[in-house]
């Protein structure tokens, strides 16, 4: 199958890389949202991976939605920016603050129901 967009290509590379680290005899299930590059039929899904799409209106189940919510609440909410450059600078600062909180990242990304 031919891959057409940079998003499809990146997703394919991501899946191929994950597949390399799935132990022999095991199977990975990757939870994805309904972004076009997650659901396209153009992907060549490795045999040891399945995709589990989230329901369309369930941001509470998507860890990245909780990341954005935390960043907004703790760094970017109720602010006015003077220009585009300041928005980018402040968003980068906010991301770096978040990225240095490994315990927070682990708690946001963990789901007790997903641990075997």
N, C-alpha and C. Protein backbone atom coordinates (compact mmCIF):
# COMPACT_ATOMS: atom_id res chain seq x y z
N UNK A 1 0.83 -1.16 0.00
CA UNK A 1 0.00 0.00 0.00
C UNK A 1 0.89 1.24 0.00
N UNK A 2 0.55 2.21 -0.78
CA UNK A 2 1.35 3.42 -0.87
C UNK A 2 0.92 4.44 0.19
N UNK A 3 1.92 5.03 0.86
CA UNK A 3 1.66 6.04 1.87
C UNK A 3 1.82 7.40 1.21
N UNK A 4 0.85 8.30 1.41
CA UNK A 4 0.83 9.56 0.69
C UNK A 4 1.25 10.79 1.48
N UNK A 5 0.89 10.90 2.72
CA UNK A 5 1.19 12.14 3.44
C UNK A 5 2.34 11.96 4.42
N UNK A 6 2.91 13.09 4.84
CA UNK A 6 3.98 13.06 5.84
C UNK A 6 3.46 12.50 7.15
N UNK A 7 2.18 12.74 7.45
CA UNK A 7 1.60 12.20 8.68
C UNK A 7 1.49 10.69 8.61
N UNK A 8 1.04 10.18 7.46
CA UNK A 8 0.96 8.73 7.28
C UNK A 8 2.36 8.11 7.39
N UNK A 9 3.33 8.74 6.76
CA UNK A 9 4.69 8.22 6.77
C UNK A 9 5.25 8.21 8.20
N UNK A 10 5.02 9.29 8.93
CA UNK A 10 5.51 9.37 10.30
C UNK A 10 4.85 8.32 11.18
N UNK A 11 3.56 8.15 11.02
CA UNK A 11 2.84 7.13 11.80
C UNK A 11 3.37 5.75 11.47
N UNK A 12 3.63 5.48 10.20
CA UNK A 12 4.16 4.19 9.81
C UNK A 12 5.52 3.95 10.46
N UNK A 13 6.37 4.96 10.44
CA UNK A 13 7.69 4.85 11.07
C UNK A 13 7.55 4.60 12.57
N UNK A 14 6.61 5.28 13.19
CA UNK A 14 6.36 5.12 14.62
C UNK A 14 5.93 3.68 14.94
N UNK A 15 5.00 3.17 14.18
CA UNK A 15 4.55 1.79 14.38
C UNK A 15 5.66 0.79 14.16
N UNK A 16 6.43 0.99 13.11
CA UNK A 16 7.54 0.08 12.81
C UNK A 16 8.56 0.08 13.95
N UNK A 17 8.82 1.25 14.52
CA UNK A 17 9.78 1.34 15.62
C UNK A 17 9.24 0.66 16.87
N UNK A 18 7.98 0.89 17.20
CA UNK A 18 7.38 0.22 18.35
C UNK A 18 7.43 -1.29 18.17
N UNK A 19 7.13 -1.74 16.97
CA UNK A 19 7.10 -3.17 16.67
C UNK A 19 8.42 -3.87 16.99
N UNK A 20 9.51 -3.17 16.77
CA UNK A 20 10.84 -3.74 17.05
C UNK A 20 11.03 -4.09 18.52
N UNK A 21 10.32 -3.39 19.40
CA UNK A 21 10.52 -3.55 20.84
C UNK A 21 9.46 -4.41 21.52
N UNK A 22 8.53 -4.93 20.74
CA UNK A 22 7.53 -5.85 21.30
C UNK A 22 8.18 -7.22 21.40
N UNK A 23 8.23 -7.75 22.62
CA UNK A 23 8.88 -9.03 22.84
C UNK A 23 8.26 -10.13 22.00
N UNK A 24 9.07 -11.07 21.56
CA UNK A 24 8.62 -12.21 20.80
C UNK A 24 7.50 -12.91 21.56
N UNK A 25 6.41 -13.22 20.88
CA UNK A 25 5.28 -13.89 21.49
C UNK A 25 4.31 -12.94 22.19
N UNK A 26 4.60 -11.65 22.17
CA UNK A 26 3.72 -10.65 22.80
C UNK A 26 3.02 -9.84 21.72
N UNK A 27 2.03 -9.08 22.11
CA UNK A 27 1.27 -8.25 21.17
C UNK A 27 1.01 -6.90 21.83
N UNK A 28 1.27 -5.81 21.13
CA UNK A 28 1.05 -4.47 21.65
C UNK A 28 -0.27 -3.92 21.15
N UNK A 29 -0.97 -3.26 22.03
CA UNK A 29 -2.19 -2.55 21.68
C UNK A 29 -1.92 -1.07 21.93
N UNK A 30 -2.07 -0.26 20.90
CA UNK A 30 -1.79 1.16 21.00
C UNK A 30 -3.11 1.91 20.93
N UNK A 31 -3.37 2.70 21.96
CA UNK A 31 -4.58 3.50 22.01
C UNK A 31 -4.33 4.77 21.20
N UNK A 32 -5.22 5.05 20.27
CA UNK A 32 -5.07 6.23 19.39
C UNK A 32 -6.37 7.00 19.34
N UNK A 33 -6.24 8.29 19.03
CA UNK A 33 -7.46 9.06 18.78
C UNK A 33 -7.86 8.87 17.33
N UNK A 34 -8.83 9.60 16.87
CA UNK A 34 -9.33 9.39 15.51
C UNK A 34 -8.69 10.32 14.49
N UNK A 35 -7.45 10.75 14.75
CA UNK A 35 -6.73 11.54 13.75
C UNK A 35 -6.62 10.71 12.47
N UNK A 36 -6.68 11.38 11.35
CA UNK A 36 -6.69 10.69 10.06
C UNK A 36 -5.50 9.75 9.89
N UNK A 37 -4.34 10.15 10.37
CA UNK A 37 -3.14 9.32 10.20
C UNK A 37 -3.12 8.13 11.14
N UNK A 38 -4.01 8.10 12.15
CA UNK A 38 -4.14 6.93 13.01
C UNK A 38 -5.11 5.91 12.44
N UNK A 39 -6.02 6.38 11.61
CA UNK A 39 -7.09 5.50 11.14
C UNK A 39 -7.03 5.21 9.65
N UNK A 40 -6.04 5.74 8.97
CA UNK A 40 -5.95 5.55 7.53
C UNK A 40 -5.72 4.08 7.16
N UNK A 41 -6.31 3.68 6.11
CA UNK A 41 -6.09 2.33 5.59
C UNK A 41 -4.76 2.20 4.87
N UNK A 42 -4.00 3.28 4.79
CA UNK A 42 -2.71 3.28 4.10
C UNK A 42 -1.58 2.72 4.95
N UNK A 43 -1.83 2.50 6.24
CA UNK A 43 -0.80 1.97 7.12
C UNK A 43 -0.63 0.48 6.93
N UNK A 44 0.59 0.04 7.02
CA UNK A 44 0.90 -1.39 7.03
C UNK A 44 1.15 -1.79 8.48
N UNK A 45 0.09 -2.18 9.15
CA UNK A 45 0.18 -2.48 10.57
C UNK A 45 1.00 -3.74 10.81
N UNK A 46 2.07 -3.64 11.63
CA UNK A 46 2.86 -4.84 11.93
C UNK A 46 1.98 -5.91 12.58
N UNK A 47 2.34 -7.17 12.38
CA UNK A 47 1.55 -8.28 12.92
C UNK A 47 1.47 -8.29 14.44
N UNK A 48 2.44 -7.66 15.11
CA UNK A 48 2.46 -7.71 16.57
C UNK A 48 1.86 -6.45 17.21
N UNK A 49 1.12 -5.67 16.43
CA UNK A 49 0.49 -4.44 16.94
C UNK A 49 -0.96 -4.37 16.49
N UNK A 50 -1.81 -3.93 17.41
CA UNK A 50 -3.20 -3.58 17.08
C UNK A 50 -3.44 -2.15 17.53
N UNK A 51 -4.28 -1.45 16.80
CA UNK A 51 -4.67 -0.10 17.18
C UNK A 51 -6.05 -0.15 17.83
N UNK A 52 -6.20 0.58 18.92
CA UNK A 52 -7.48 0.66 19.62
C UNK A 52 -7.91 2.12 19.60
N UNK A 53 -8.79 2.49 18.65
CA UNK A 53 -9.22 3.89 18.57
C UNK A 53 -10.15 4.27 19.73
N UNK A 54 -9.90 5.45 20.28
CA UNK A 54 -10.77 5.98 21.32
C UNK A 54 -12.10 6.43 20.71
N UNK A 55 -13.16 6.41 21.49
CA UNK A 55 -14.41 6.99 20.99
C UNK A 55 -14.19 8.47 20.64
N UNK A 56 -14.93 8.96 19.68
CA UNK A 56 -14.71 10.30 19.15
C UNK A 56 -14.87 11.40 20.20
N UNK A 57 -15.75 11.26 21.12
CA UNK A 57 -15.99 12.33 22.09
C UNK A 57 -15.60 11.88 23.50
N UNK A 58 -14.33 11.49 23.67
CA UNK A 58 -13.88 11.03 24.99
C UNK A 58 -12.49 11.58 25.33
N UNK A 59 -12.34 12.90 25.39
CA UNK A 59 -11.02 13.45 25.68
C UNK A 59 -10.46 13.01 27.03
N UNK A 60 -11.34 12.66 27.98
CA UNK A 60 -10.86 12.23 29.29
C UNK A 60 -10.09 10.91 29.22
N UNK A 61 -10.27 10.15 28.15
CA UNK A 61 -9.53 8.89 27.99
C UNK A 61 -8.19 9.07 27.28
N UNK A 62 -7.99 10.23 26.69
CA UNK A 62 -6.79 10.48 25.89
C UNK A 62 -5.76 11.23 26.73
N UNK A 63 -4.66 10.56 27.14
CA UNK A 63 -3.68 11.21 28.00
C UNK A 63 -3.15 12.54 27.45
N UNK A 64 -2.99 12.66 26.14
CA UNK A 64 -2.44 13.91 25.62
C UNK A 64 -3.41 15.07 25.84
N UNK A 65 -4.69 14.81 25.87
CA UNK A 65 -5.65 15.86 26.19
C UNK A 65 -5.44 16.35 27.61
N UNK A 66 -5.08 15.44 28.50
CA UNK A 66 -4.81 15.81 29.88
C UNK A 66 -3.49 16.59 30.00
N UNK A 67 -2.53 16.26 29.15
CA UNK A 67 -1.28 17.03 29.10
C UNK A 67 -1.58 18.48 28.73
N UNK A 68 -2.33 18.67 27.63
CA UNK A 68 -2.64 20.03 27.19
C UNK A 68 -3.43 20.77 28.27
N UNK A 69 -4.35 20.08 28.92
CA UNK A 69 -5.14 20.70 29.98
C UNK A 69 -4.23 21.17 31.12
N UNK A 70 -3.29 20.33 31.54
CA UNK A 70 -2.36 20.70 32.62
C UNK A 70 -1.53 21.91 32.21
N UNK A 71 -1.01 21.89 31.00
CA UNK A 71 -0.18 23.01 30.52
C UNK A 71 -0.99 24.30 30.49
N UNK A 72 -2.19 24.23 29.98
CA UNK A 72 -3.04 25.43 29.95
C UNK A 72 -3.30 25.95 31.37
N UNK A 73 -3.69 25.05 32.26
CA UNK A 73 -4.05 25.45 33.61
C UNK A 73 -2.87 26.02 34.40
N UNK A 74 -1.67 25.47 34.19
CA UNK A 74 -0.52 25.86 35.00
C UNK A 74 0.40 26.88 34.35
N UNK A 75 0.30 27.09 33.06
CA UNK A 75 1.26 27.97 32.42
C UNK A 75 0.66 28.97 31.43
N UNK A 76 -0.42 28.63 30.79
CA UNK A 76 -0.86 29.46 29.67
C UNK A 76 -2.24 30.10 29.84
N UNK A 77 -2.99 29.71 30.86
CA UNK A 77 -4.35 30.22 31.00
C UNK A 77 -4.37 31.69 31.43
N UNK A 78 -5.43 32.38 31.01
CA UNK A 78 -5.70 33.76 31.43
C UNK A 78 -4.52 34.69 31.16
N UNK A 79 -3.96 34.59 29.99
CA UNK A 79 -2.84 35.43 29.61
C UNK A 79 -3.10 36.06 28.26
N UNK A 80 -2.49 37.20 28.06
CA UNK A 80 -2.54 37.88 26.78
C UNK A 80 -1.10 37.95 26.28
N UNK A 81 -0.90 37.59 25.03
CA UNK A 81 0.45 37.59 24.46
C UNK A 81 0.57 38.74 23.47
N UNK A 82 1.74 39.36 23.45
CA UNK A 82 1.91 40.54 22.59
C UNK A 82 2.03 40.19 21.12
N UNK A 83 2.57 38.99 20.81
CA UNK A 83 2.72 38.62 19.41
C UNK A 83 2.95 37.11 19.29
N UNK A 84 3.06 36.66 18.06
CA UNK A 84 3.24 35.23 17.77
C UNK A 84 4.49 34.68 18.43
N UNK A 85 5.58 35.44 18.37
CA UNK A 85 6.85 34.98 18.95
C UNK A 85 6.71 34.72 20.46
N UNK A 86 5.99 35.61 21.13
CA UNK A 86 5.79 35.41 22.57
C UNK A 86 4.94 34.17 22.83
N UNK A 87 3.96 33.92 22.01
CA UNK A 87 3.15 32.71 22.15
C UNK A 87 4.03 31.47 22.03
N UNK A 88 4.87 31.45 21.01
CA UNK A 88 5.76 30.30 20.81
C UNK A 88 6.73 30.15 21.97
N UNK A 89 7.34 31.26 22.40
CA UNK A 89 8.29 31.22 23.52
C UNK A 89 7.63 30.71 24.79
N UNK A 90 6.46 31.23 25.10
CA UNK A 90 5.77 30.83 26.33
C UNK A 90 5.27 29.38 26.24
N UNK A 91 4.84 28.96 25.08
CA UNK A 91 4.42 27.56 24.90
C UNK A 91 5.61 26.62 25.09
N UNK A 92 6.77 27.01 24.57
CA UNK A 92 7.98 26.20 24.75
C UNK A 92 8.38 26.13 26.21
N UNK A 93 8.33 27.26 26.91
CA UNK A 93 8.64 27.27 28.34
C UNK A 93 7.67 26.35 29.10
N UNK A 94 6.39 26.48 28.77
CA UNK A 94 5.38 25.66 29.43
C UNK A 94 5.63 24.17 29.19
N UNK A 95 5.96 23.83 27.95
CA UNK A 95 6.24 22.43 27.63
C UNK A 95 7.45 21.93 28.42
N UNK A 96 8.50 22.74 28.50
CA UNK A 96 9.71 22.32 29.22
C UNK A 96 9.45 22.16 30.71
N UNK A 97 8.62 23.02 31.29
CA UNK A 97 8.24 22.85 32.69
C UNK A 97 7.53 21.51 32.86
N UNK A 98 6.57 21.25 32.00
CA UNK A 98 5.85 19.98 32.07
C UNK A 98 6.79 18.79 31.86
N UNK A 99 7.65 18.87 30.85
CA UNK A 99 8.52 17.75 30.49
C UNK A 99 9.50 17.38 31.60
N UNK A 100 9.75 18.28 32.52
CA UNK A 100 10.66 18.00 33.63
C UNK A 100 9.95 17.44 34.86
N UNK A 101 8.70 17.12 34.73
CA UNK A 101 7.90 16.57 35.84
C UNK A 101 7.58 15.10 35.54
N UNK A 102 8.59 14.25 35.70
CA UNK A 102 8.43 12.85 35.31
C UNK A 102 7.32 12.13 36.08
N UNK A 103 7.15 12.45 37.35
CA UNK A 103 6.08 11.81 38.12
C UNK A 103 4.70 12.21 37.58
N UNK A 104 4.57 13.47 37.22
CA UNK A 104 3.31 13.94 36.65
C UNK A 104 3.04 13.26 35.31
N UNK A 105 4.06 13.19 34.49
CA UNK A 105 3.92 12.53 33.18
C UNK A 105 3.49 11.08 33.36
N UNK A 106 4.13 10.39 34.30
CA UNK A 106 3.78 8.99 34.54
C UNK A 106 2.33 8.87 35.02
N UNK A 107 1.89 9.78 35.88
CA UNK A 107 0.52 9.67 36.39
C UNK A 107 -0.50 10.00 35.31
N UNK A 108 -0.22 10.98 34.47
CA UNK A 108 -1.14 11.34 33.39
C UNK A 108 -1.20 10.22 32.35
N UNK A 109 -0.07 9.59 32.07
CA UNK A 109 -0.01 8.57 31.03
C UNK A 109 -0.41 7.18 31.48
N UNK A 110 -0.61 6.98 32.76
CA UNK A 110 -0.93 5.65 33.27
C UNK A 110 -2.43 5.44 33.38
N UNK A 111 -2.84 4.24 33.14
CA UNK A 111 -4.23 3.84 33.31
C UNK A 111 -4.24 2.51 34.05
N UNK A 112 -4.81 2.48 35.25
CA UNK A 112 -4.80 1.26 36.05
C UNK A 112 -5.46 0.11 35.30
N UNK A 113 -6.47 0.40 34.50
CA UNK A 113 -7.19 -0.65 33.78
C UNK A 113 -6.36 -1.20 32.61
N UNK A 114 -5.26 -0.52 32.24
CA UNK A 114 -4.46 -0.96 31.11
C UNK A 114 -3.24 -1.77 31.54
N UNK A 115 -3.02 -1.90 32.83
CA UNK A 115 -1.85 -2.63 33.33
C UNK A 115 -2.22 -4.09 33.54
N UNK A 116 -1.42 -4.95 32.95
CA UNK A 116 -1.70 -6.39 33.09
C UNK A 116 -1.10 -6.94 34.35
